[in-house]
């Protein structure tokens, strides 16, 4: 088998929260796939640390079972590749460690001793309130080397003030270039392809402006409820959990100006300009520019599901939103007058994420009414579950009879076109951490600009006592979300072609 190594230098990846949900579902399976496809060097170690003792062989067995469960279409000939796992397992080490107790770090320091020149990636898959203490302990024991990187998982705070506090604490140990704030949406294949679609094809970029585009829709829908994450989610809500990071990043990539190069800061500079151009939404605006929702009991795929206030560990009353829709305005030359409609929620009818760019209707139709309606063209980028791109356009119906216009689609399916397994977003992002490529990670000024805009909405909701509107599980959110777009003479995209 030909070697496909993308990283030549050795590395140590230290995962804090190594027995947690993220490590077991995403991080270790992603690293396993990278190793199975020979994209990692032989001298690449993965050290998982977590509170509590555990025999290394028991930890490896647990990760083995998790990788089988979460490998998805990464299996080989329909079977988990035990030979690849046996090789990968030799990279794994477990350490029982209390991240808040500096004395617990002695075993980690011993393990890393003599490898000061090796890339060190500290991945904090823990609660954000201990990001600062972990960074401080690593610095106090001289474990932060020039070749070190720190990966921070969301949520990075609950508002601008708390985000600033967390980042200020981390900055005492790690420089800004060493800090990688991860948003897994930026690692998705379709999101990556968005820049290629815009900037490597002469077809779209000349049309990518207010002259030709009527509006943009971004939807991230989930069928699941909050389940066992109720306590965390109740303190966060859809606005902080999804809009502040995932959806704002998708807006940035859709709306940004072309960077002069693919240098990380060139790209992030352009994204920052978009965030700073977002029209603020305050108390006077929230009633007509935003919709809050909270799911109640309903039916999804023929199964009855409980409401948000009936979930495990829930409280009798909560104003936390599980659905958000917002009409976003970008105040710059390219996008003035072009609304971006975004929505996200839990317990919606289907699991899907997509960006829809709807072009303007032709200014004049030479066709008779009997030919049918002139529908606008749409460019639909599917982020999940079936990654691909659709260009919806009008064509003449077949036959020699009376002319009829028919909506059709040019459909690019990534699975059919490229074949093979679609890599998980974390595979690309972990690879970029090790290689030292920060373009897909949020810079501090990006994060603070995003929180500044979100804080305005959150404060507006508080000042006006805007409570979430109930919606039945299995629906597309409150009826007010439909009104949000339809009062502008538009409608949410439905893929019915």
Protein backbone atom coordinates (compact mmCIF):
# COMPACT_ATOMS: atom_id res chain seq x y z
CA UNK A 1 0.00 0.00 0.00
CA UNK A 2 1.40 3.39 -1.00
CA UNK A 3 2.10 5.67 1.93
CA UNK A 4 -0.06 8.80 2.01
CA UNK A 5 1.56 10.61 4.92
CA UNK A 6 0.72 14.30 5.04
CA UNK A 7 2.66 15.00 8.24
CA UNK A 8 6.34 14.16 8.38
CA UNK A 9 7.30 15.57 11.76
CA UNK A 10 6.53 13.65 14.96
CA UNK A 11 3.84 14.98 17.29
CA UNK A 12 2.19 14.48 20.66
CA UNK A 13 -1.53 15.20 20.90
CA UNK A 14 -2.71 15.50 24.49
CA UNK A 15 -6.49 15.34 24.81
CA UNK A 16 -7.89 16.72 28.07
CA UNK A 17 -11.31 15.16 28.58
CA UNK A 18 -9.99 12.00 26.96
CA UNK A 19 -12.84 9.83 28.20
CA UNK A 20 -15.52 12.39 27.39
CA UNK A 21 -18.23 12.25 24.76
CA UNK A 22 -16.39 14.35 22.17
CA UNK A 23 -13.20 12.30 22.40
CA UNK A 24 -15.07 9.02 22.11
CA UNK A 25 -17.45 10.03 19.30
CA UNK A 26 -15.27 12.31 17.21
CA UNK A 27 -11.63 12.87 18.14
CA UNK A 28 -10.31 9.32 18.51
CA UNK A 29 -12.30 7.96 15.52
CA UNK A 30 -11.00 10.89 13.42
CA UNK A 31 -7.40 10.20 14.43
CA UNK A 32 -7.95 6.48 13.78
CA UNK A 33 -9.11 7.23 10.23
CA UNK A 34 -6.10 9.48 9.61
CA UNK A 35 -3.79 6.73 10.80
CA UNK A 36 -5.65 4.04 8.82
CA UNK A 37 -5.21 6.09 5.66
CA UNK A 38 -1.53 6.56 6.53
CA UNK A 39 -1.78 10.32 6.91
CA UNK A 40 0.10 10.36 10.22
CA UNK A 41 3.80 9.71 10.84
CA UNK A 42 4.86 6.64 12.76
CA UNK A 43 6.09 8.80 15.63
CA UNK A 44 2.76 10.41 16.48
CA UNK A 45 1.43 9.82 19.99
CA UNK A 46 -2.07 10.38 21.35
CA UNK A 47 -2.23 10.91 25.12
CA UNK A 48 -5.71 11.01 26.61
CA UNK A 49 -6.02 12.47 30.09
CA UNK A 50 -9.10 12.49 32.27
CA UNK A 51 -10.05 12.42 35.92
CA UNK A 52 -9.90 8.94 37.45
CA UNK A 53 -7.62 5.95 37.16
CA UNK A 54 -8.05 3.42 34.36
CA UNK A 55 -5.82 0.64 33.09
CA UNK A 56 -4.38 1.47 29.68
CA UNK A 57 -5.62 -1.78 28.16
CA UNK A 58 -9.15 -1.03 29.39
CA UNK A 59 -9.00 2.43 27.86
CA UNK A 60 -7.77 1.06 24.54
CA UNK A 61 -10.59 -1.51 24.56
CA UNK A 62 -13.14 1.24 25.23
CA UNK A 63 -11.80 3.34 22.35
CA UNK A 64 -11.78 0.26 20.09
CA UNK A 65 -15.48 -0.26 20.72
CA UNK A 66 -16.21 3.44 20.25
CA UNK A 67 -14.37 3.51 16.92
CA UNK A 68 -16.41 0.54 15.71
CA UNK A 69 -19.59 2.35 16.72
CA UNK A 70 -18.64 5.70 15.24
CA UNK A 71 -16.64 4.67 12.17
CA UNK A 72 -19.64 5.10 9.88
CA UNK A 73 -18.69 4.43 6.29
CA UNK A 74 -15.04 4.28 7.24
CA UNK A 75 -15.12 0.50 7.47
CA UNK A 76 -13.15 -1.64 5.06
CA UNK A 77 -15.11 -4.16 3.00
CA UNK A 78 -18.00 -3.69 5.41
CA UNK A 79 -15.87 -4.69 8.40
CA UNK A 80 -13.93 -2.73 10.98
CA UNK A 81 -10.25 -2.91 10.06
CA UNK A 82 -8.71 -4.70 13.02
CA UNK A 83 -5.24 -4.67 11.52
CA UNK A 84 -5.31 -0.89 11.19
CA UNK A 85 -6.67 -0.61 14.71
CA UNK A 86 -3.90 -2.79 16.15
CA UNK A 87 -1.32 -0.41 14.70
CA UNK A 88 -3.24 2.67 15.81
CA UNK A 89 -3.72 1.35 19.36
CA UNK A 90 0.03 1.48 19.95
CA UNK A 91 -0.21 5.27 19.74
CA UNK A 92 -2.76 5.52 22.58
CA UNK A 93 -1.85 6.22 26.20
CA UNK A 94 -4.23 7.00 29.05
CA UNK A 95 -3.33 9.10 32.09
CA UNK A 96 -5.56 9.65 35.10
CA UNK A 97 -5.17 13.34 35.87
CA UNK A 98 -7.01 16.07 37.74
CA UNK A 99 -6.69 19.00 35.34
CA UNK A 100 -7.13 21.54 38.15
CA UNK A 101 -4.40 20.06 40.38
CA UNK A 102 -0.87 20.91 39.27
CA UNK A 103 0.54 17.95 41.23
CA UNK A 104 -1.40 15.60 38.93
CA UNK A 105 0.63 16.77 35.95
CA UNK A 106 3.82 14.99 37.03
CA UNK A 107 3.00 11.86 35.03
CA UNK A 108 2.27 13.95 31.93
CA UNK A 109 5.51 15.91 32.34
CA UNK A 110 7.43 12.62 32.61
CA UNK A 111 5.79 11.27 29.46
CA UNK A 112 6.63 14.41 27.47
CA UNK A 113 10.19 14.76 28.76
CA UNK A 114 12.83 14.67 26.03
CA UNK A 115 10.33 15.56 23.30
CA UNK A 116 10.50 19.33 23.63
CA UNK A 117 11.14 19.79 19.89
CA UNK A 118 8.12 17.70 18.92
CA UNK A 119 4.84 19.37 17.97
CA UNK A 120 2.60 19.39 21.06
CA UNK A 121 -1.12 19.83 20.52
CA UNK A 122 -3.07 20.27 23.75
CA UNK A 123 -6.75 19.68 22.95
CA UNK A 124 -9.10 20.96 25.67
CA UNK A 125 -12.31 18.95 25.31
CA UNK A 126 -13.39 20.06 28.78
CA UNK A 127 -15.66 22.63 30.38
CA UNK A 128 -14.44 26.12 29.39
CA UNK A 129 -14.19 27.30 32.99
CA UNK A 130 -11.01 25.20 33.41
CA UNK A 131 -9.34 26.28 30.15
CA UNK A 132 -7.44 28.95 32.08
CA UNK A 133 -6.30 26.69 34.94
CA UNK A 134 -5.14 23.99 32.49
CA UNK A 135 -3.13 26.53 30.49
CA UNK A 136 -1.62 27.94 33.70
CA UNK A 137 -0.60 24.49 34.93
CA UNK A 138 1.01 23.60 31.60
CA UNK A 139 3.01 26.83 31.67
CA UNK A 140 4.02 26.43 35.31
CA UNK A 141 5.56 23.04 34.54
CA UNK A 142 7.31 24.35 31.41
CA UNK A 143 5.27 22.07 29.15
CA UNK A 144 4.44 24.90 26.75
CA UNK A 145 7.15 24.85 24.08
CA UNK A 146 7.55 26.99 20.94
CA UNK A 147 6.13 24.03 19.01
CA UNK A 148 3.01 23.81 21.20
CA UNK A 149 -0.57 24.46 20.11
CA UNK A 150 -3.70 24.80 22.19
CA UNK A 151 -7.07 23.75 20.77
CA UNK A 152 -10.15 25.23 22.43
CA UNK A 153 -13.59 23.68 22.02
CA UNK A 154 -16.77 25.72 22.20
CA UNK A 155 -18.50 27.20 24.07
CA UNK A 156 -15.92 29.93 24.51
CA UNK A 157 -17.93 31.85 27.04
CA UNK A 158 -21.58 32.83 27.24
CA UNK A 159 -21.09 36.47 26.20
CA UNK A 160 -18.33 38.88 25.21
CA UNK A 161 -17.21 39.49 28.80
CA UNK A 162 -16.85 35.82 29.72
CA UNK A 163 -15.19 35.01 26.37
CA UNK A 164 -12.69 37.80 26.99
CA UNK A 165 -11.98 36.45 30.48
CA UNK A 166 -11.34 32.90 29.20
CA UNK A 167 -9.09 34.05 26.38
CA UNK A 168 -7.17 36.44 28.63
CA UNK A 169 -6.42 33.55 31.01
CA UNK A 170 -5.28 31.31 28.16
CA UNK A 171 -3.14 34.10 26.68
CA UNK A 172 -0.94 34.10 29.78
CA UNK A 173 0.42 30.72 28.66
CA UNK A 174 -0.12 30.54 24.90
CA UNK A 175 0.35 33.19 22.23
CA UNK A 176 -2.45 34.00 19.80
CA UNK A 177 -0.73 32.13 16.90
CA UNK A 178 -0.53 29.07 19.15
CA UNK A 179 -4.27 29.16 19.94
CA UNK A 180 -6.71 27.25 17.72
CA UNK A 181 -10.42 27.92 18.40
CA UNK A 182 -12.22 25.10 16.69
CA UNK A 183 -15.55 25.15 14.87
CA UNK A 184 -16.10 21.76 13.26
CA UNK A 185 -18.43 23.23 10.63
CA UNK A 186 -15.41 24.84 8.98
CA UNK A 187 -13.94 21.38 8.37
CA UNK A 188 -16.91 20.08 6.40
CA UNK A 189 -16.18 19.29 2.76
CA UNK A 190 -19.00 21.44 1.37
CA UNK A 191 -17.99 24.42 3.50
CA UNK A 192 -14.43 24.09 2.24
CA UNK A 193 -15.74 23.81 -1.30
CA UNK A 194 -17.66 27.08 -0.93
CA UNK A 195 -14.46 29.10 -1.30
CA UNK A 196 -13.38 27.02 -4.29
CA UNK A 197 -16.80 27.43 -5.88
CA UNK A 198 -16.62 31.21 -5.50
CA UNK A 199 -12.97 31.99 -6.10
CA UNK A 200 -11.82 29.31 -8.57
CA UNK A 201 -14.71 29.62 -11.02
CA UNK A 202 -15.34 32.69 -13.17
CA UNK A 203 -19.00 31.71 -13.44
CA UNK A 204 -20.22 32.69 -9.96
CA UNK A 205 -18.12 35.50 -8.50
CA UNK A 206 -19.27 38.20 -10.99
CA UNK A 207 -22.87 37.42 -9.93
CA UNK A 208 -22.10 37.22 -6.19
CA UNK A 209 -23.50 40.61 -5.18
CA UNK A 210 -26.62 42.71 -4.63
CA UNK A 211 -27.12 43.26 -8.37
CA UNK A 212 -27.94 39.60 -9.06
CA UNK A 213 -28.69 37.97 -5.68
CA UNK A 214 -32.10 38.48 -4.10
CA UNK A 215 -31.37 36.88 -0.72
CA UNK A 216 -29.49 34.09 1.05
CA UNK A 217 -30.86 31.40 3.36
CA UNK A 218 -28.82 29.35 5.83
CA UNK A 219 -30.54 26.51 7.69
CA UNK A 220 -29.09 24.09 10.23
CA UNK A 221 -31.78 21.66 11.35
CA UNK A 222 -31.57 18.85 13.89
CA UNK A 223 -34.14 16.15 14.63
CA UNK A 224 -32.71 15.37 18.07
CA UNK A 225 -33.67 17.08 21.31
CA UNK A 226 -31.25 18.12 24.02
CA UNK A 227 -31.50 14.85 25.94
CA UNK A 228 -28.76 14.44 28.52
CA UNK A 229 -27.27 17.86 27.65
CA UNK A 230 -30.25 19.71 29.15
CA UNK A 231 -28.32 21.46 31.91
CA UNK A 232 -25.63 22.77 29.55
CA UNK A 233 -28.10 23.66 26.82
CA UNK A 234 -30.44 25.46 29.20
CA UNK A 235 -27.62 27.85 30.07
CA UNK A 236 -26.74 28.33 26.43
CA UNK A 237 -29.69 28.09 24.06
CA UNK A 238 -29.70 27.97 20.27
CA UNK A 239 -28.42 31.53 19.85
CA UNK A 240 -25.22 30.94 21.79
CA UNK A 241 -24.85 27.25 20.95
CA UNK A 242 -25.30 27.47 17.17
CA UNK A 243 -25.66 30.99 15.81
CA UNK A 244 -22.65 32.56 17.56
CA UNK A 245 -20.25 30.11 15.92
CA UNK A 246 -21.60 27.79 13.21
CA UNK A 247 -24.08 30.05 11.45
CA UNK A 248 -22.03 33.22 11.70
CA UNK A 249 -19.06 31.39 10.22
CA UNK A 250 -21.23 30.21 7.31
CA UNK A 251 -22.38 33.80 6.77
CA UNK A 252 -18.75 34.91 6.72
CA UNK A 253 -17.66 32.39 4.11
CA UNK A 254 -20.68 33.17 1.95
CA UNK A 255 -20.34 36.94 2.16
CA UNK A 256 -16.59 37.58 2.45
CA UNK A 257 -14.52 39.34 -0.19
CA UNK A 258 -11.94 37.29 -2.11
CA UNK A 259 -8.68 37.09 -0.14
CA UNK A 260 -5.55 37.92 -2.10
CA UNK A 261 -3.96 34.64 -0.97
CA UNK A 262 -4.96 31.63 1.14
CA UNK A 263 -2.78 32.84 3.99
CA UNK A 264 -4.62 32.22 7.27
CA UNK A 265 -4.75 35.85 8.31
CA UNK A 266 -5.79 36.99 4.83
CA UNK A 267 -8.85 34.74 5.05
CA UNK A 268 -9.63 35.68 8.64
CA UNK A 269 -9.24 39.38 7.88
CA UNK A 270 -12.00 39.10 5.26
CA UNK A 271 -14.26 37.14 7.62
CA UNK A 272 -13.75 39.77 10.31
CA UNK A 273 -14.88 42.50 7.91
CA UNK A 274 -18.19 40.65 7.45
CA UNK A 275 -18.73 40.31 11.19
CA UNK A 276 -18.04 44.00 11.70
CA UNK A 277 -20.48 44.86 8.90
CA UNK A 278 -23.42 43.00 10.49
CA UNK A 279 -26.20 45.45 11.27
CA UNK A 280 -26.71 45.41 15.06
CA UNK A 281 -30.01 44.00 16.34
CA UNK A 282 -31.13 45.58 19.61
CA UNK A 283 -34.30 45.86 21.66
CA UNK A 284 -36.16 47.94 19.06
CA UNK A 285 -35.41 45.34 16.37
CA UNK A 286 -35.77 41.91 17.99
CA UNK A 287 -39.55 41.60 17.56
CA UNK A 288 -39.45 41.91 13.75
CA UNK A 289 -35.90 40.65 13.00
CA UNK A 290 -35.72 37.57 15.24
CA UNK A 291 -37.86 34.60 16.27
CA UNK A 292 -37.30 32.49 19.39
CA UNK A 293 -38.90 29.09 19.74
CA UNK A 294 -39.03 26.18 22.18
CA UNK A 295 -40.19 22.71 21.15
CA UNK A 296 -43.08 20.97 22.80
CA UNK A 297 -44.16 17.35 22.45
CA UNK A 298 -44.75 16.16 18.91
CA UNK A 299 -44.04 13.50 16.34
CA UNK A 300 -40.84 12.88 14.38
CA UNK A 301 -40.66 10.10 11.76
CA UNK A 302 -43.68 8.42 13.28
CA UNK A 303 -42.32 8.49 16.82
CA UNK A 304 -43.82 10.53 19.66
CA UNK A 305 -41.21 12.67 21.42
CA UNK A 306 -41.40 14.78 24.56
CA UNK A 307 -41.15 18.54 24.81
CA UNK A 308 -38.14 20.52 26.01
CA UNK A 309 -39.57 20.96 29.50
CA UNK A 310 -40.22 17.22 29.74
CA UNK A 311 -36.66 16.14 28.94
CA UNK A 312 -34.56 14.35 31.54
CA UNK A 313 -33.26 16.73 34.25
CA UNK A 314 -35.41 19.56 32.91
CA UNK A 315 -37.05 22.18 35.09
CA UNK A 316 -40.72 23.07 35.22
CA UNK A 317 -40.12 26.40 33.50
CA UNK A 318 -37.43 27.76 31.21
CA UNK A 319 -37.20 30.60 28.69
CA UNK A 320 -34.29 29.01 26.84
CA UNK A 321 -34.80 28.92 23.09
CA UNK A 322 -34.31 25.69 21.10
CA UNK A 323 -35.04 27.44 17.79
CA UNK A 324 -33.84 30.75 16.35
CA UNK A 325 -34.58 32.51 13.08
CA UNK A 326 -32.99 35.86 12.26
CA UNK A 327 -33.10 38.30 9.37
CA UNK A 328 -29.51 39.51 9.04
CA UNK A 329 -28.37 42.61 7.18
CA UNK A 330 -24.78 43.16 6.06
CA UNK A 331 -23.96 46.84 5.71
CA UNK A 332 -21.37 46.96 2.96
CA UNK A 333 -21.16 47.68 -0.74
CA UNK A 334 -21.55 44.09 -1.95
CA UNK A 335 -24.54 43.09 0.20
CA UNK A 336 -26.52 46.27 0.91
CA UNK A 337 -30.22 45.41 0.62
CA UNK A 338 -29.65 41.63 0.41
CA UNK A 339 -31.10 39.91 3.50
CA UNK A 340 -29.55 36.77 4.95
CA UNK A 341 -32.24 34.62 6.59
CA UNK A 342 -30.83 32.12 9.06
CA UNK A 343 -32.56 29.49 11.16
CA UNK A 344 -31.53 26.64 13.39
CA UNK A 345 -33.35 24.44 15.83
CA UNK A 346 -33.83 21.12 17.52
CA UNK A 347 -36.66 18.63 16.98
CA UNK A 348 -37.18 19.79 13.39
CA UNK A 349 -38.52 17.42 10.67
CA UNK A 350 -35.14 16.48 9.18
CA UNK A 351 -31.44 16.65 9.92
CA UNK A 352 -30.00 18.94 7.31
CA UNK A 353 -27.68 21.90 6.83
CA UNK A 354 -27.69 23.98 3.69
CA UNK A 355 -26.89 27.36 2.21
CA UNK A 356 -29.31 28.63 -0.46
CA UNK A 357 -28.32 31.55 -2.66
CA UNK A 358 -31.44 32.76 -4.49
CA UNK A 359 -30.85 34.93 -7.52
CA UNK A 360 -33.19 37.63 -8.71
CA UNK A 361 -36.03 36.88 -11.09
CA UNK A 362 -35.39 38.00 -14.68
CA UNK A 363 -36.69 41.57 -15.13
CA UNK A 364 -38.85 40.66 -18.13
CA UNK A 365 -40.43 37.46 -19.43
CA UNK A 366 -41.13 37.08 -23.16
CA UNK A 367 -43.08 33.86 -22.51
CA UNK A 368 -46.90 33.64 -22.38
CA UNK A 369 -48.62 32.94 -19.06
CA UNK A 370 -49.50 29.47 -20.33
CA UNK A 371 -45.78 28.60 -20.32
CA UNK A 372 -45.73 28.77 -16.55
CA UNK A 373 -44.17 30.88 -13.83
CA UNK A 374 -40.66 32.28 -14.10
CA UNK A 375 -38.98 30.95 -10.97
CA UNK A 376 -35.67 32.41 -9.75
CA UNK A 377 -32.46 30.40 -10.03
CA UNK A 378 -31.10 28.96 -6.80
CA UNK A 379 -27.68 27.65 -5.86
CA UNK A 380 -28.10 25.13 -3.04
CA UNK A 381 -25.05 23.93 -1.12
CA UNK A 382 -25.85 20.90 1.04
CA UNK A 383 -23.53 20.59 4.03
CA UNK A 384 -25.19 17.46 5.45
CA UNK A 385 -26.28 14.77 5.29
CA UNK A 386 -25.85 14.33 1.49
CA UNK A 387 -23.02 16.70 0.69
CA UNK A 388 -23.31 18.35 -2.69
CA UNK A 389 -24.28 21.33 -4.82
CA UNK A 390 -27.48 21.91 -6.82
CA UNK A 391 -28.09 24.65 -9.36
CA UNK A 392 -31.84 25.02 -9.83
CA UNK A 393 -32.82 26.56 -13.14
CA UNK A 394 -35.62 26.70 -15.73
CA UNK A 395 -35.69 24.56 -18.81
CA UNK A 396 -38.16 23.84 -21.58
CA UNK A 397 -40.27 20.75 -21.05
CA UNK A 398 -39.72 18.04 -23.65
CA UNK A 399 -42.05 17.60 -26.61
CA UNK A 400 -43.31 19.48 -29.66
CA UNK A 401 -46.50 20.75 -28.05
CA UNK A 402 -47.17 24.02 -26.29
CA UNK A 403 -44.08 25.44 -24.61
CA UNK A 404 -43.87 24.75 -20.89
CA UNK A 405 -41.24 25.96 -18.48
CA UNK A 406 -39.99 23.43 -15.99
CA UNK A 407 -37.72 23.76 -12.95
CA UNK A 408 -34.79 21.35 -13.14
CA UNK A 409 -31.56 20.91 -11.23
CA UNK A 410 -27.94 20.35 -12.09
CA UNK A 411 -26.94 18.12 -9.20
CA UNK A 412 -23.41 17.47 -8.01
CA UNK A 413 -23.29 14.75 -5.37
CA UNK A 414 -19.92 14.57 -3.66
CA UNK A 415 -20.43 10.88 -2.91
CA UNK A 416 -21.21 9.98 -6.52
CA UNK A 417 -18.60 12.26 -8.06
CA UNK A 418 -15.63 11.59 -5.81
CA UNK A 419 -16.58 8.20 -4.37
CA UNK A 420 -15.04 6.68 -1.29
CA UNK A 421 -15.55 7.75 2.28
CA UNK A 422 -16.43 11.33 3.12
CA UNK A 423 -13.96 12.40 5.82
CA UNK A 424 -15.34 13.74 9.06
CA UNK A 425 -14.74 17.44 9.64
CA UNK A 426 -12.54 16.70 12.65
CA UNK A 427 -10.09 14.77 10.47
CA UNK A 428 -9.23 17.88 8.46
CA UNK A 429 -9.12 20.12 11.52
CA UNK A 430 -6.93 17.81 13.61
CA UNK A 431 -4.59 17.46 10.66
CA UNK A 432 -4.39 21.24 10.34
CA UNK A 433 -3.62 21.61 14.06
CA UNK A 434 -0.70 19.23 13.79
CA UNK A 435 0.56 20.87 10.58
CA UNK A 436 0.20 24.34 12.09
CA UNK A 437 -2.38 25.66 9.62
CA UNK A 438 -4.77 28.02 11.46
CA UNK A 439 -6.91 29.26 8.55
CA UNK A 440 -9.96 27.22 9.62
CA UNK A 441 -9.82 28.36 13.24
CA UNK A 442 -11.27 31.52 14.75
CA UNK A 443 -8.94 34.36 15.62
CA UNK A 444 -9.58 36.28 18.84
CA UNK A 445 -10.88 39.41 17.12
CA UNK A 446 -13.29 37.25 15.09
CA UNK A 447 -14.62 35.63 18.24
CA UNK A 448 -15.10 38.96 20.01
CA UNK A 449 -16.85 40.53 17.00
CA UNK A 450 -19.24 37.57 16.85
CA UNK A 451 -20.02 37.81 20.56
CA UNK A 452 -20.54 41.56 20.33
CA UNK A 453 -23.29 41.06 17.72
CA UNK A 454 -24.87 38.15 19.63
CA UNK A 455 -24.86 40.11 22.90
CA UNK A 456 -26.98 42.81 21.27
CA UNK A 457 -29.68 40.27 20.40
CA UNK A 458 -29.51 38.59 23.80
CA UNK A 459 -29.82 41.93 25.56
CA UNK A 460 -32.70 42.91 23.27
CA UNK A 461 -34.58 39.76 24.19
CA UNK A 462 -33.98 40.47 27.86
CA UNK A 463 -35.02 44.14 27.66
CA UNK A 464 -38.26 43.33 25.82
CA UNK A 465 -38.98 40.10 27.74
CA UNK A 466 -39.33 38.32 24.39
CA UNK A 467 -40.27 34.77 25.36
CA UNK A 468 -39.76 31.78 23.04
CA UNK A 469 -42.82 30.74 21.04
CA UNK A 470 -43.84 27.08 21.32
CA UNK A 471 -43.60 24.80 18.31
CA UNK A 472 -44.50 21.14 17.92
CA UNK A 473 -41.60 18.73 17.59
CA UNK A 474 -41.49 17.61 13.97
CA UNK A 475 -42.47 21.04 12.62
CA UNK A 476 -40.24 23.74 11.11
CA UNK A 477 -40.43 25.92 14.18
CA UNK A 478 -42.94 28.59 15.23
CA UNK A 479 -45.24 30.06 12.60
CA UNK A 480 -43.53 33.38 13.27
CA UNK A 481 -40.43 31.99 11.52
CA UNK A 482 -42.47 31.56 8.35
CA UNK A 483 -43.84 35.08 8.73
CA UNK A 484 -40.30 36.42 9.19
CA UNK A 485 -39.45 35.65 5.58
CA UNK A 486 -42.88 35.68 3.95
CA UNK A 487 -43.68 39.26 4.93
CA UNK A 488 -40.78 40.17 2.62
CA UNK A 489 -42.44 38.26 -0.23
CA UNK A 490 -40.05 35.31 0.09
CA UNK A 491 -40.32 31.76 1.39
CA UNK A 492 -38.06 29.18 3.01
CA UNK A 493 -36.50 26.83 0.48
CA UNK A 494 -37.99 23.34 0.18
CA UNK A 495 -36.05 20.83 -1.89
CA UNK A 496 -38.96 19.47 -3.91
CA UNK A 497 -37.43 19.21 -7.37
